[in-house]
Amino acid sequence: MEKAIRELKGEPAPEEEIKPEIHLGIPAFIPEVYMADEHRRLVTYKQVSLASTDEDLAGIRAELMDCYGLVPPEVENLLAVIGIRNLLKDIKGKRMGYDGKGMSVFLQEKSPIDPARIIELYRRKVRGVQLTPDLKLTIPMPGLKGAEILSRARELLQSLRS
């Protein structure tokens, strides 16, 4: 309804919010043994999902440490995935995944990243980089595990963004 009203007034439509999907194959959740109160867990999930900067995520991590002690790896993974999601939003990525062989990033047509730049950037560093016509960028990264998947995903998105 709001979109139709804006169109009638001749105002530009607000840009659609991107809600990227991330499938990296690592556990990213708040364990019940860490935070037993289900309501508090749900509130924390909402707080984490709304975090839009690394500073927001660092604040959540600090709050969790104050209230519940050391943050378990699954929660660290969750916070890292949200940081990756935020980077993916910046480059207008639709989806990111890791299949044990390669990291894939699916970009929207409106992505500010120049596809030729992507290919140039990664041809210099890695053999086997692919960019399909539907803007799926795949970079070979075989055998990554756990936190290494997260750090390489973050590095990839940061290099695409800069």
C-alpha atoms as a PDB file:
ATOM      1  CA  MET A   1       0.000   0.000   0.000  1.00  0.00           C
ATOM      2  CA  GLU A   2       2.805   2.376   0.955  1.00  0.00           C
ATOM      3  CA  LYS A   3       4.545   1.617  -2.341  1.00  0.00           C
ATOM      4  CA  ALA A   4       1.392   2.451  -4.337  1.00  0.00           C
ATOM      5  CA  ILE A   5       0.932   5.753  -2.477  1.00  0.00           C
ATOM      6  CA  ARG A   6       4.552   6.736  -3.175  1.00  0.00           C
ATOM      7  CA  GLU A   7       4.080   5.927  -6.868  1.00  0.00           C
ATOM      8  CA  LEU A   8       0.919   8.080  -7.027  1.00  0.00           C
ATOM      9  CA  LYS A   9       2.760  10.973  -5.398  1.00  0.00           C
ATOM     10  CA  GLY A  10       5.641  10.552  -7.844  1.00  0.00           C
ATOM     11  CA  GLU A  11       8.111   9.790  -5.070  1.00  0.00           C
ATOM     12  CA  PRO A  12      10.901   7.308  -5.654  1.00  0.00           C
ATOM     13  CA  ALA A  13      10.213   3.864  -4.232  1.00  0.00           C
ATOM     14  CA  PRO A  14      12.399   2.954  -1.261  1.00  0.00           C
ATOM     15  CA  GLU A  15      15.023   0.386  -2.060  1.00  0.00           C
ATOM     16  CA  GLU A  16      13.921  -3.121  -1.152  1.00  0.00           C
ATOM     17  CA  GLU A  17      15.730  -4.507   1.868  1.00  0.00           C
ATOM     18  CA  ILE A  18      17.959  -7.413   1.020  1.00  0.00           C
ATOM     19  CA  LYS A  19      17.608 -10.454   3.258  1.00  0.00           C
ATOM     20  CA  PRO A  20      20.537 -12.627   2.218  1.00  0.00           C
ATOM     21  CA  GLU A  21      20.670 -16.344   2.958  1.00  0.00           C
ATOM     22  CA  ILE A  22      23.848 -17.834   4.368  1.00  0.00           C
ATOM     23  CA  HIS A  23      24.602 -21.559   4.221  1.00  0.00           C
ATOM     24  CA  LEU A  24      28.112 -22.224   5.460  1.00  0.00           C
ATOM     25  CA  GLY A  25      27.553 -25.614   7.094  1.00  0.00           C
ATOM     26  CA  ILE A  26      28.594 -24.629  10.611  1.00  0.00           C
ATOM     27  CA  PRO A  27      26.563 -24.639  13.841  1.00  0.00           C
ATOM     28  CA  ALA A  28      25.383 -21.115  14.642  1.00  0.00           C
ATOM     29  CA  PHE A  29      22.884 -20.935  17.503  1.00  0.00           C
ATOM     30  CA  ILE A  30      22.452 -20.187  21.197  1.00  0.00           C
ATOM     31  CA  PRO A  31      22.690 -23.474  23.120  1.00  0.00           C
ATOM     32  CA  GLU A  32      20.064 -24.123  25.785  1.00  0.00           C
ATOM     33  CA  VAL A  33      22.823 -25.063  28.240  1.00  0.00           C
ATOM     34  CA  TYR A  34      24.298 -21.566  27.798  1.00  0.00           C
ATOM     35  CA  MET A  35      21.014 -19.656  28.061  1.00  0.00           C
ATOM     36  CA  ALA A  36      18.307 -21.792  29.663  1.00  0.00           C
ATOM     37  CA  ASP A  37      15.492 -19.219  29.580  1.00  0.00           C
ATOM     38  CA  GLU A  38      13.684 -19.738  26.265  1.00  0.00           C
ATOM     39  CA  HIS A  39      12.163 -16.248  26.257  1.00  0.00           C
ATOM     40  CA  ARG A  40      15.584 -14.648  26.821  1.00  0.00           C
ATOM     41  CA  ARG A  41      17.038 -16.783  24.008  1.00  0.00           C
ATOM     42  CA  LEU A  42      14.319 -15.564  21.616  1.00  0.00           C
ATOM     43  CA  VAL A  43      14.900 -11.951  22.646  1.00  0.00           C
ATOM     44  CA  THR A  44      18.642 -12.423  22.099  1.00  0.00           C
ATOM     45  CA  TYR A  45      18.064 -13.973  18.662  1.00  0.00           C
ATOM     46  CA  LYS A  46      15.990 -10.940  17.723  1.00  0.00           C
ATOM     47  CA  GLN A  47      18.653  -8.581  19.075  1.00  0.00           C
ATOM     48  CA  VAL A  48      21.349 -10.429  17.108  1.00  0.00           C
ATOM     49  CA  SER A  49      19.273 -10.445  13.922  1.00  0.00           C
ATOM     50  CA  LEU A  50      18.777  -6.660  14.175  1.00  0.00           C
ATOM     51  CA  ALA A  51      22.493  -5.941  14.665  1.00  0.00           C
ATOM     52  CA  SER A  52      23.644  -4.002  11.637  1.00  0.00           C
ATOM     53  CA  THR A  53      27.281  -3.248  12.505  1.00  0.00           C
ATOM     54  CA  ASP A  54      30.279  -5.025  13.967  1.00  0.00           C
ATOM     55  CA  GLU A  55      30.032  -2.639  16.928  1.00  0.00           C
ATOM     56  CA  ASP A  56      26.460  -3.824  17.599  1.00  0.00           C
ATOM     57  CA  LEU A  57      27.668  -7.430  17.527  1.00  0.00           C
ATOM     58  CA  ALA A  58      30.597  -6.649  19.850  1.00  0.00           C
ATOM     59  CA  GLY A  59      28.139  -5.046  22.286  1.00  0.00           C
ATOM     60  CA  ILE A  60      25.936  -8.141  22.221  1.00  0.00           C
ATOM     61  CA  ARG A  61      28.980 -10.377  22.792  1.00  0.00           C
ATOM     62  CA  ALA A  62      30.047  -8.230  25.774  1.00  0.00           C
ATOM     63  CA  GLU A  63      26.526  -8.336  27.224  1.00  0.00           C
ATOM     64  CA  LEU A  64      26.400 -12.132  26.852  1.00  0.00           C
ATOM     65  CA  MET A  65      29.769 -12.489  28.585  1.00  0.00           C
ATOM     66  CA  ASP A  66      28.608 -10.270  31.450  1.00  0.00           C
ATOM     67  CA  CYS A  67      25.388 -12.217  31.947  1.00  0.00           C
ATOM     68  CA  TYR A  68      26.323 -15.805  31.040  1.00  0.00           C
ATOM     69  CA  GLY A  69      30.102 -16.126  31.026  1.00  0.00           C
ATOM     70  CA  LEU A  70      32.347 -17.243  28.186  1.00  0.00           C
ATOM     71  CA  VAL A  71      30.574 -17.263  24.829  1.00  0.00           C
ATOM     72  CA  PRO A  72      30.439 -20.797  23.359  1.00  0.00           C
ATOM     73  CA  PRO A  73      31.668 -21.473  19.803  1.00  0.00           C
ATOM     74  CA  GLU A  74      28.110 -21.850  18.442  1.00  0.00           C
ATOM     75  CA  VAL A  75      27.239 -18.329  19.619  1.00  0.00           C
ATOM     76  CA  GLU A  76      30.530 -16.938  18.272  1.00  0.00           C
ATOM     77  CA  ASN A  77      29.586 -18.569  14.948  1.00  0.00           C
ATOM     78  CA  LEU A  78      26.131 -16.976  15.092  1.00  0.00           C
ATOM     79  CA  LEU A  79      27.620 -13.521  15.665  1.00  0.00           C
ATOM     80  CA  ALA A  80      30.131 -14.080  12.845  1.00  0.00           C
ATOM     81  CA  VAL A  81      27.368 -15.204  10.461  1.00  0.00           C
ATOM     82  CA  ILE A  82      25.402 -12.029  11.197  1.00  0.00           C
ATOM     83  CA  GLY A  83      28.541  -9.974  10.493  1.00  0.00           C
ATOM     84  CA  ILE A  84      28.887 -11.828   7.189  1.00  0.00           C
ATOM     85  CA  ARG A  85      25.210 -11.195   6.450  1.00  0.00           C
ATOM     86  CA  ASN A  86      25.774  -7.468   6.963  1.00  0.00           C
ATOM     87  CA  LEU A  87      28.717  -7.475   4.536  1.00  0.00           C
ATOM     88  CA  LEU A  88      26.622  -9.443   2.041  1.00  0.00           C
ATOM     89  CA  LYS A  89      23.877  -6.821   2.309  1.00  0.00           C
ATOM     90  CA  ASP A  90      26.427  -4.070   1.553  1.00  0.00           C
ATOM     91  CA  ILE A  91      27.348  -5.671  -1.770  1.00  0.00           C
ATOM     92  CA  LYS A  92      23.713  -6.590  -2.512  1.00  0.00           C
ATOM     93  CA  GLY A  93      24.338 -10.303  -2.294  1.00  0.00           C
ATOM     94  CA  LYS A  94      21.345 -12.639  -2.299  1.00  0.00           C
ATOM     95  CA  ARG A  95      23.000 -15.744  -0.931  1.00  0.00           C
ATOM     96  CA  MET A  96      26.325 -17.166   0.195  1.00  0.00           C
ATOM     97  CA  GLY A  97      27.273 -20.774   0.656  1.00  0.00           C
ATOM     98  CA  TYR A  98      30.125 -23.168   1.226  1.00  0.00           C
ATOM     99  CA  ASP A  99      29.983 -26.782   0.058  1.00  0.00           C
ATOM    100  CA  GLY A 100      33.367 -28.083   1.200  1.00  0.00           C
ATOM    101  CA  LYS A 101      34.915 -27.343  -2.205  1.00  0.00           C
ATOM    102  CA  GLY A 102      34.160 -23.708  -2.878  1.00  0.00           C
ATOM    103  CA  MET A 103      32.610 -20.512  -1.590  1.00  0.00           C
ATOM    104  CA  SER A 104      29.717 -19.148  -3.641  1.00  0.00           C
ATOM    105  CA  VAL A 105      28.204 -15.684  -3.591  1.00  0.00           C
ATOM    106  CA  PHE A 106      25.017 -14.954  -5.521  1.00  0.00           C
ATOM    107  CA  LEU A 107      24.804 -11.261  -6.419  1.00  0.00           C
ATOM    108  CA  GLN A 108      21.824  -9.172  -7.441  1.00  0.00           C
ATOM    109  CA  GLU A 109      21.894  -7.358 -10.761  1.00  0.00           C
ATOM    110  CA  LYS A 110      21.962  -4.074  -8.819  1.00  0.00           C
ATOM    111  CA  SER A 111      25.132  -5.074  -7.003  1.00  0.00           C
ATOM    112  CA  PRO A 112      27.692  -2.260  -6.919  1.00  0.00           C
ATOM    113  CA  ILE A 113      30.443  -4.761  -7.744  1.00  0.00           C
ATOM    114  CA  ASP A 114      31.720  -4.790 -11.299  1.00  0.00           C
ATOM    115  CA  PRO A 115      31.773  -8.437 -12.514  1.00  0.00           C
ATOM    116  CA  ALA A 116      34.917  -7.792 -14.565  1.00  0.00           C
ATOM    117  CA  ARG A 117      36.628  -6.541 -11.405  1.00  0.00           C
ATOM    118  CA  ILE A 118      35.632  -9.714  -9.579  1.00  0.00           C
ATOM    119  CA  ILE A 119      37.154 -11.916 -12.214  1.00  0.00           C
ATOM    120  CA  GLU A 120      40.316  -9.805 -12.409  1.00  0.00           C
ATOM    121  CA  LEU A 121      40.709  -9.717  -8.640  1.00  0.00           C
ATOM    122  CA  TYR A 122      40.465 -13.470  -8.197  1.00  0.00           C
ATOM    123  CA  ARG A 123      42.208 -14.635 -11.346  1.00  0.00           C
ATOM    124  CA  ARG A 124      45.355 -13.120  -9.935  1.00  0.00           C
ATOM    125  CA  LYS A 125      45.018 -14.988  -6.654  1.00  0.00           C
ATOM    126  CA  VAL A 126      43.117 -18.233  -7.297  1.00  0.00           C
ATOM    127  CA  ARG A 127      42.704 -20.557 -10.261  1.00  0.00           C
ATOM    128  CA  GLY A 128      39.223 -21.835 -11.040  1.00  0.00           C
ATOM    129  CA  VAL A 129      37.199 -18.727 -10.189  1.00  0.00           C
ATOM    130  CA  GLN A 130      33.849 -18.741 -11.982  1.00  0.00           C
ATOM    131  CA  LEU A 131      31.221 -16.072 -12.551  1.00  0.00           C
ATOM    132  CA  THR A 132      28.053 -17.361 -14.212  1.00  0.00           C
ATOM    133  CA  PRO A 133      25.586 -15.211 -16.207  1.00  0.00           C
ATOM    134  CA  ASP A 134      23.176 -15.341 -13.239  1.00  0.00           C
ATOM    135  CA  LEU A 135      25.900 -13.608 -11.157  1.00  0.00           C
ATOM    136  CA  LYS A 136      26.975 -16.599  -9.099  1.00  0.00           C
ATOM    137  CA  LEU A 137      30.590 -16.118  -8.107  1.00  0.00           C
ATOM    138  CA  THR A 138      32.378 -19.311  -7.064  1.00  0.00           C
ATOM    139  CA  ILE A 139      35.878 -19.393  -5.623  1.00  0.00           C
ATOM    140  CA  PRO A 140      37.595 -22.736  -4.973  1.00  0.00           C
ATOM    141  CA  MET A 141      38.385 -23.144  -1.262  1.00  0.00           C
ATOM    142  CA  PRO A 142      38.545 -26.865  -0.601  1.00  0.00           C
ATOM    143  CA  GLY A 143      38.726 -28.382   2.860  1.00  0.00           C
ATOM    144  CA  LEU A 144      37.906 -25.419   5.087  1.00  0.00           C
ATOM    145  CA  LYS A 145      36.581 -26.218   8.571  1.00  0.00           C
ATOM    146  CA  GLY A 146      34.788 -24.290  11.335  1.00  0.00           C
ATOM    147  CA  ALA A 147      36.099 -20.813  12.061  1.00  0.00           C
ATOM    148  CA  GLU A 148      38.255 -20.914   8.933  1.00  0.00           C
ATOM    149  CA  ILE A 149      35.073 -20.981   6.809  1.00  0.00           C
ATOM    150  CA  LEU A 150      33.821 -17.878   8.605  1.00  0.00           C
ATOM    151  CA  SER A 151      37.096 -15.967   8.315  1.00  0.00           C
ATOM    152  CA  ARG A 152      37.517 -16.780   4.610  1.00  0.00           C
ATOM    153  CA  ALA A 153      33.886 -15.821   3.903  1.00  0.00           C
ATOM    154  CA  ARG A 154      34.420 -12.498   5.662  1.00  0.00           C
ATOM    155  CA  GLU A 155      37.714 -11.876   3.822  1.00  0.00           C
ATOM    156  CA  LEU A 156      36.059 -12.618   0.498  1.00  0.00           C
ATOM    157  CA  LEU A 157      33.193 -10.186   1.111  1.00  0.00           C
ATOM    158  CA  GLN A 158      35.531  -7.472   2.401  1.00  0.00           C
ATOM    159  CA  SER A 159      37.716  -7.782  -0.693  1.00  0.00           C
ATOM    160  CA  LEU A 160      34.663  -7.578  -2.942  1.00  0.00           C
ATOM    161  CA  ARG A 161      33.381  -4.532  -1.087  1.00  0.00           C
ATOM    162  CA  SER A 162      36.625  -2.534  -1.210  1.00  0.00           C
END
